[in-house]
Amino acid sequence: MVGAVTGTGETVNIDEKDLEVLRATQDGLTLVAAPYAAVGEEIGMGEAEVIERLRRMLDAGVVRRMGASLAHRKAGFTANAMTAWLVPEKRLDEVAETLARHREVTHCYSRKTAPGWPYNLYTMVHGRSRDECNRLIGEMSEEVNIDDYVILYSTRELKKTSFRV
């Protein structure tokens, strides 16, 4: 048994088979009709056991989430705009929920401000051009009635990896 610490600080026991499942899935699933069966075949385990182990680790908080990830540049979304918003604290949750509902927003999170940097809410928008991103951000600004923001554009991707087991 190995002790894994969850996001809440709780220690949960996982075994070598759990680690095999994590290693086999950490780079993504194969795009096939039965991806968990393919994982199981790779590590000598049945599909049901792979699913059960992942579900147990998700429920315990060892694995935070599983989801699909779009290779946005390959899909034609070449403009990436991180918008830093200055939102009154009493409106933070309301504004965040409204902005997060936009399908173009892939990340939305709040952060503490810093000296000289008053922005407390961040959204990442992906578009096919800077003009498209600017238009979307302008529409979002009008919707939430927040006009104090700065747009930071990605110039290149330096690293994009997940935690490794």
C-alpha atoms as a PDB file:
ATOM      1  CA  MET A   1       0.000   0.000   0.000  1.00  0.00           C
ATOM      2  CA  VAL A   2       1.044   3.548  -0.760  1.00  0.00           C
ATOM      3  CA  GLY A   3      -0.344   6.599   1.016  1.00  0.00           C
ATOM      4  CA  ALA A   4      -1.643   9.294  -1.321  1.00  0.00           C
ATOM      5  CA  VAL A   5      -2.489  12.721   0.045  1.00  0.00           C
ATOM      6  CA  THR A   6      -5.659  14.263  -1.357  1.00  0.00           C
ATOM      7  CA  GLY A   7      -6.346  17.943  -1.977  1.00  0.00           C
ATOM      8  CA  THR A   8      -7.998  18.125   1.454  1.00  0.00           C
ATOM      9  CA  GLY A   9      -4.873  16.793   3.169  1.00  0.00           C
ATOM     10  CA  GLU A  10      -6.434  13.407   3.936  1.00  0.00           C
ATOM     11  CA  THR A  11      -4.265  10.332   3.404  1.00  0.00           C
ATOM     12  CA  VAL A  12      -5.833   7.597   1.284  1.00  0.00           C
ATOM     13  CA  ASN A  13      -4.314   4.185   0.650  1.00  0.00           C
ATOM     14  CA  ILE A  14      -3.690   3.192  -2.940  1.00  0.00           C
ATOM     15  CA  ASP A  15      -1.933   0.072  -4.167  1.00  0.00           C
ATOM     16  CA  GLU A  16       0.426  -0.813  -7.001  1.00  0.00           C
ATOM     17  CA  LYS A  17      -2.506  -1.608  -9.315  1.00  0.00           C
ATOM     18  CA  ASP A  18      -3.896   1.895  -8.697  1.00  0.00           C
ATOM     19  CA  LEU A  19      -0.491   3.316  -9.618  1.00  0.00           C
ATOM     20  CA  GLU A  20      -0.490   1.212 -12.816  1.00  0.00           C
ATOM     21  CA  VAL A  21      -3.887   2.677 -13.744  1.00  0.00           C
ATOM     22  CA  LEU A  22      -2.635   6.208 -13.059  1.00  0.00           C
ATOM     23  CA  ARG A  23       0.527   5.670 -15.118  1.00  0.00           C
ATOM     24  CA  ALA A  24      -1.464   4.180 -18.008  1.00  0.00           C
ATOM     25  CA  THR A  25      -3.936   7.097 -18.105  1.00  0.00           C
ATOM     26  CA  GLN A  26      -1.751  10.103 -17.280  1.00  0.00           C
ATOM     27  CA  ASP A  27      -0.921  10.815 -20.934  1.00  0.00           C
ATOM     28  CA  GLY A  28      -4.556  10.575 -22.013  1.00  0.00           C
ATOM     29  CA  LEU A  29      -6.823   7.850 -23.259  1.00  0.00           C
ATOM     30  CA  THR A  30      -6.662   6.247 -26.681  1.00  0.00           C
ATOM     31  CA  LEU A  31      -9.382   7.501 -28.999  1.00  0.00           C
ATOM     32  CA  VAL A  32     -11.214   4.186 -29.379  1.00  0.00           C
ATOM     33  CA  ALA A  33     -14.745   2.952 -28.669  1.00  0.00           C
ATOM     34  CA  ALA A  34     -13.717   1.405 -25.312  1.00  0.00           C
ATOM     35  CA  PRO A  35     -10.758   3.424 -23.949  1.00  0.00           C
ATOM     36  CA  TYR A  36     -10.843   1.862 -20.467  1.00  0.00           C
ATOM     37  CA  ALA A  37     -10.766  -1.622 -21.996  1.00  0.00           C
ATOM     38  CA  ALA A  38      -7.666  -0.529 -23.947  1.00  0.00           C
ATOM     39  CA  VAL A  39      -6.049   0.665 -20.714  1.00  0.00           C
ATOM     40  CA  GLY A  40      -6.945  -2.614 -19.032  1.00  0.00           C
ATOM     41  CA  GLU A  41      -5.489  -4.631 -21.894  1.00  0.00           C
ATOM     42  CA  GLU A  42      -2.260  -2.632 -21.647  1.00  0.00           C
ATOM     43  CA  ILE A  43      -1.834  -3.342 -17.924  1.00  0.00           C
ATOM     44  CA  GLY A  44      -3.469  -6.765 -17.627  1.00  0.00           C
ATOM     45  CA  MET A  45      -6.702  -5.686 -15.990  1.00  0.00           C
ATOM     46  CA  GLY A  46     -10.356  -5.813 -17.003  1.00  0.00           C
ATOM     47  CA  GLU A  47     -12.234  -2.723 -18.152  1.00  0.00           C
ATOM     48  CA  ALA A  48     -14.587  -2.828 -15.148  1.00  0.00           C
ATOM     49  CA  GLU A  49     -11.675  -2.908 -12.702  1.00  0.00           C
ATOM     50  CA  VAL A  50      -9.973   0.058 -14.398  1.00  0.00           C
ATOM     51  CA  ILE A  51     -13.204   2.059 -14.187  1.00  0.00           C
ATOM     52  CA  GLU A  52     -13.828   1.014 -10.576  1.00  0.00           C
ATOM     53  CA  ARG A  53     -10.300   1.974  -9.497  1.00  0.00           C
ATOM     54  CA  LEU A  54     -10.522   5.361 -11.228  1.00  0.00           C
ATOM     55  CA  ARG A  55     -13.967   6.010  -9.737  1.00  0.00           C
ATOM     56  CA  ARG A  56     -12.702   5.108  -6.247  1.00  0.00           C
ATOM     57  CA  MET A  57      -9.690   7.425  -6.617  1.00  0.00           C
ATOM     58  CA  LEU A  58     -11.938  10.223  -7.909  1.00  0.00           C
ATOM     59  CA  ASP A  59     -14.362   9.754  -5.004  1.00  0.00           C
ATOM     60  CA  ALA A  60     -11.457   9.771  -2.521  1.00  0.00           C
ATOM     61  CA  GLY A  61      -9.923  12.895  -4.051  1.00  0.00           C
ATOM     62  CA  VAL A  62      -6.696  11.162  -5.109  1.00  0.00           C
ATOM     63  CA  VAL A  63      -7.635  12.077  -8.682  1.00  0.00           C
ATOM     64  CA  ARG A  64      -9.270  15.509  -8.861  1.00  0.00           C
ATOM     65  CA  ARG A  65     -10.909  15.189 -12.247  1.00  0.00           C
ATOM     66  CA  MET A  66     -10.843  13.469 -15.589  1.00  0.00           C
ATOM     67  CA  GLY A  67     -11.791  15.338 -18.704  1.00  0.00           C
ATOM     68  CA  ALA A  68     -11.186  15.933 -22.339  1.00  0.00           C
ATOM     69  CA  SER A  69      -8.562  18.397 -23.459  1.00  0.00           C
ATOM     70  CA  LEU A  70      -8.716  20.132 -26.808  1.00  0.00           C
ATOM     71  CA  ALA A  71      -5.468  20.783 -28.670  1.00  0.00           C
ATOM     72  CA  HIS A  72      -6.728  24.289 -29.404  1.00  0.00           C
ATOM     73  CA  ARG A  73      -3.943  25.306 -31.793  1.00  0.00           C
ATOM     74  CA  LYS A  74      -4.489  22.194 -33.927  1.00  0.00           C
ATOM     75  CA  ALA A  75      -8.220  22.996 -33.971  1.00  0.00           C
ATOM     76  CA  GLY A  76      -7.517  26.468 -35.393  1.00  0.00           C
ATOM     77  CA  PHE A  77      -7.795  28.516 -32.188  1.00  0.00           C
ATOM     78  CA  THR A  78      -4.513  30.377 -32.457  1.00  0.00           C
ATOM     79  CA  ALA A  79      -5.291  33.439 -30.322  1.00  0.00           C
ATOM     80  CA  ASN A  80      -5.301  32.961 -26.552  1.00  0.00           C
ATOM     81  CA  ALA A  81      -6.244  35.880 -24.344  1.00  0.00           C
ATOM     82  CA  MET A  82      -5.919  35.862 -20.582  1.00  0.00           C
ATOM     83  CA  THR A  83      -8.081  38.701 -19.322  1.00  0.00           C
ATOM     84  CA  ALA A  84      -7.413  40.089 -15.867  1.00  0.00           C
ATOM     85  CA  TRP A  85     -10.515  41.813 -14.484  1.00  0.00           C
ATOM     86  CA  LEU A  86     -10.868  44.241 -11.572  1.00  0.00           C
ATOM     87  CA  VAL A  87     -14.148  43.138  -9.992  1.00  0.00           C
ATOM     88  CA  PRO A  88     -15.648  44.583  -6.805  1.00  0.00           C
ATOM     89  CA  GLU A  89     -15.329  41.892  -4.120  1.00  0.00           C
ATOM     90  CA  LYS A  90     -19.092  41.835  -3.484  1.00  0.00           C
ATOM     91  CA  ARG A  91     -19.702  40.993  -7.176  1.00  0.00           C
ATOM     92  CA  LEU A  92     -16.873  38.480  -7.605  1.00  0.00           C
ATOM     93  CA  ASP A  93     -18.956  35.278  -7.512  1.00  0.00           C
ATOM     94  CA  GLU A  94     -21.738  36.699  -9.709  1.00  0.00           C
ATOM     95  CA  VAL A  95     -19.326  38.021 -12.355  1.00  0.00           C
ATOM     96  CA  ALA A  96     -17.223  34.839 -12.321  1.00  0.00           C
ATOM     97  CA  GLU A  97     -20.298  32.648 -12.809  1.00  0.00           C
ATOM     98  CA  THR A  98     -21.519  34.812 -15.700  1.00  0.00           C
ATOM     99  CA  LEU A  99     -18.153  34.855 -17.480  1.00  0.00           C
ATOM    100  CA  ALA A 100     -17.535  31.146 -16.893  1.00  0.00           C
ATOM    101  CA  ARG A 101     -20.768  30.303 -18.727  1.00  0.00           C
ATOM    102  CA  HIS A 102     -19.322  31.537 -22.026  1.00  0.00           C
ATOM    103  CA  ARG A 103     -18.272  28.599 -24.169  1.00  0.00           C
ATOM    104  CA  GLU A 104     -15.160  30.489 -25.284  1.00  0.00           C
ATOM    105  CA  VAL A 105     -13.922  30.711 -21.680  1.00  0.00           C
ATOM    106  CA  THR A 106     -11.817  27.678 -20.771  1.00  0.00           C
ATOM    107  CA  HIS A 107     -10.463  28.908 -17.433  1.00  0.00           C
ATOM    108  CA  CYS A 108     -12.008  31.260 -14.886  1.00  0.00           C
ATOM    109  CA  TYR A 109     -10.500  31.809 -11.462  1.00  0.00           C
ATOM    110  CA  SER A 110      -9.983  34.433  -8.780  1.00  0.00           C
ATOM    111  CA  ARG A 111      -6.667  35.412  -7.263  1.00  0.00           C
ATOM    112  CA  LYS A 112      -5.549  37.773  -4.520  1.00  0.00           C
ATOM    113  CA  THR A 113      -4.361  41.135  -5.726  1.00  0.00           C
ATOM    114  CA  ALA A 114      -0.764  42.313  -5.409  1.00  0.00           C
ATOM    115  CA  PRO A 115       0.808  45.730  -4.968  1.00  0.00           C
ATOM    116  CA  GLY A 116       0.556  47.508  -8.304  1.00  0.00           C
ATOM    117  CA  TRP A 117      -1.691  44.775  -9.749  1.00  0.00           C
ATOM    118  CA  PRO A 118      -5.321  45.208  -8.614  1.00  0.00           C
ATOM    119  CA  TYR A 119      -6.892  42.507 -10.797  1.00  0.00           C
ATOM    120  CA  ASN A 120      -8.689  39.716  -8.971  1.00  0.00           C
ATOM    121  CA  LEU A 121     -10.509  37.647 -11.626  1.00  0.00           C
ATOM    122  CA  TYR A 122      -8.983  35.909 -14.649  1.00  0.00           C
ATOM    123  CA  THR A 123     -10.542  34.335 -17.717  1.00  0.00           C
ATOM    124  CA  MET A 124      -8.855  32.540 -20.612  1.00  0.00           C
ATOM    125  CA  VAL A 125     -10.519  32.969 -23.994  1.00  0.00           C
ATOM    126  CA  HIS A 126      -9.505  31.072 -27.123  1.00  0.00           C
ATOM    127  CA  GLY A 127     -10.323  32.429 -30.560  1.00  0.00           C
ATOM    128  CA  ARG A 128      -9.299  32.171 -34.180  1.00  0.00           C
ATOM    129  CA  SER A 129      -7.812  35.690 -34.110  1.00  0.00           C
ATOM    130  CA  ARG A 130      -7.006  38.534 -31.730  1.00  0.00           C
ATOM    131  CA  ASP A 131      -9.883  40.490 -33.243  1.00  0.00           C
ATOM    132  CA  GLU A 132     -12.279  37.665 -32.365  1.00  0.00           C
ATOM    133  CA  CYS A 133     -10.937  37.522 -28.797  1.00  0.00           C
ATOM    134  CA  ASN A 134     -11.197  41.314 -28.435  1.00  0.00           C
ATOM    135  CA  ARG A 135     -14.806  41.242 -29.667  1.00  0.00           C
ATOM    136  CA  LEU A 136     -15.728  38.417 -27.255  1.00  0.00           C
ATOM    137  CA  ILE A 137     -14.050  40.114 -24.301  1.00  0.00           C
ATOM    138  CA  GLY A 138     -15.794  43.405 -25.167  1.00  0.00           C
ATOM    139  CA  GLU A 139     -19.153  41.622 -25.185  1.00  0.00           C
ATOM    140  CA  MET A 140     -18.381  39.945 -21.862  1.00  0.00           C
ATOM    141  CA  SER A 141     -17.346  43.315 -20.392  1.00  0.00           C
ATOM    142  CA  GLU A 142     -20.670  44.863 -21.386  1.00  0.00           C
ATOM    143  CA  GLU A 143     -22.608  41.879 -20.050  1.00  0.00           C
ATOM    144  CA  VAL A 144     -21.095  42.109 -16.563  1.00  0.00           C
ATOM    145  CA  ASN A 145     -20.673  45.909 -16.614  1.00  0.00           C
ATOM    146  CA  ILE A 146     -16.956  45.707 -15.791  1.00  0.00           C
ATOM    147  CA  ASP A 147     -14.705  47.907 -17.915  1.00  0.00           C
ATOM    148  CA  ASP A 148     -11.511  47.763 -15.879  1.00  0.00           C
ATOM    149  CA  TYR A 149      -9.549  44.877 -17.364  1.00  0.00           C
ATOM    150  CA  VAL A 150      -6.341  44.097 -19.202  1.00  0.00           C
ATOM    151  CA  ILE A 151      -5.869  41.523 -21.955  1.00  0.00           C
ATOM    152  CA  LEU A 152      -2.684  39.450 -21.990  1.00  0.00           C
ATOM    153  CA  TYR A 153      -2.047  37.481 -25.168  1.00  0.00           C
ATOM    154  CA  SER A 154      -0.024  34.282 -25.330  1.00  0.00           C
ATOM    155  CA  THR A 155       2.976  34.592 -27.605  1.00  0.00           C
ATOM    156  CA  ARG A 156       4.106  30.975 -27.357  1.00  0.00           C
ATOM    157  CA  GLU A 157       3.424  27.848 -25.324  1.00  0.00           C
ATOM    158  CA  LEU A 158       6.391  26.925 -23.181  1.00  0.00           C
ATOM    159  CA  LYS A 159       5.127  23.871 -21.309  1.00  0.00           C
ATOM    160  CA  LYS A 160       1.882  22.012 -21.003  1.00  0.00           C
ATOM    161  CA  THR A 161       1.979  18.851 -18.936  1.00  0.00           C
ATOM    162  CA  SER A 162       0.069  17.239 -16.126  1.00  0.00           C
ATOM    163  CA  PHE A 163       1.351  15.795 -12.889  1.00  0.00           C
ATOM    164  CA  ARG A 164       3.337  12.602 -13.442  1.00  0.00           C
ATOM    165  CA  VAL A 165       3.180   9.421 -11.328  1.00  0.00           C
END
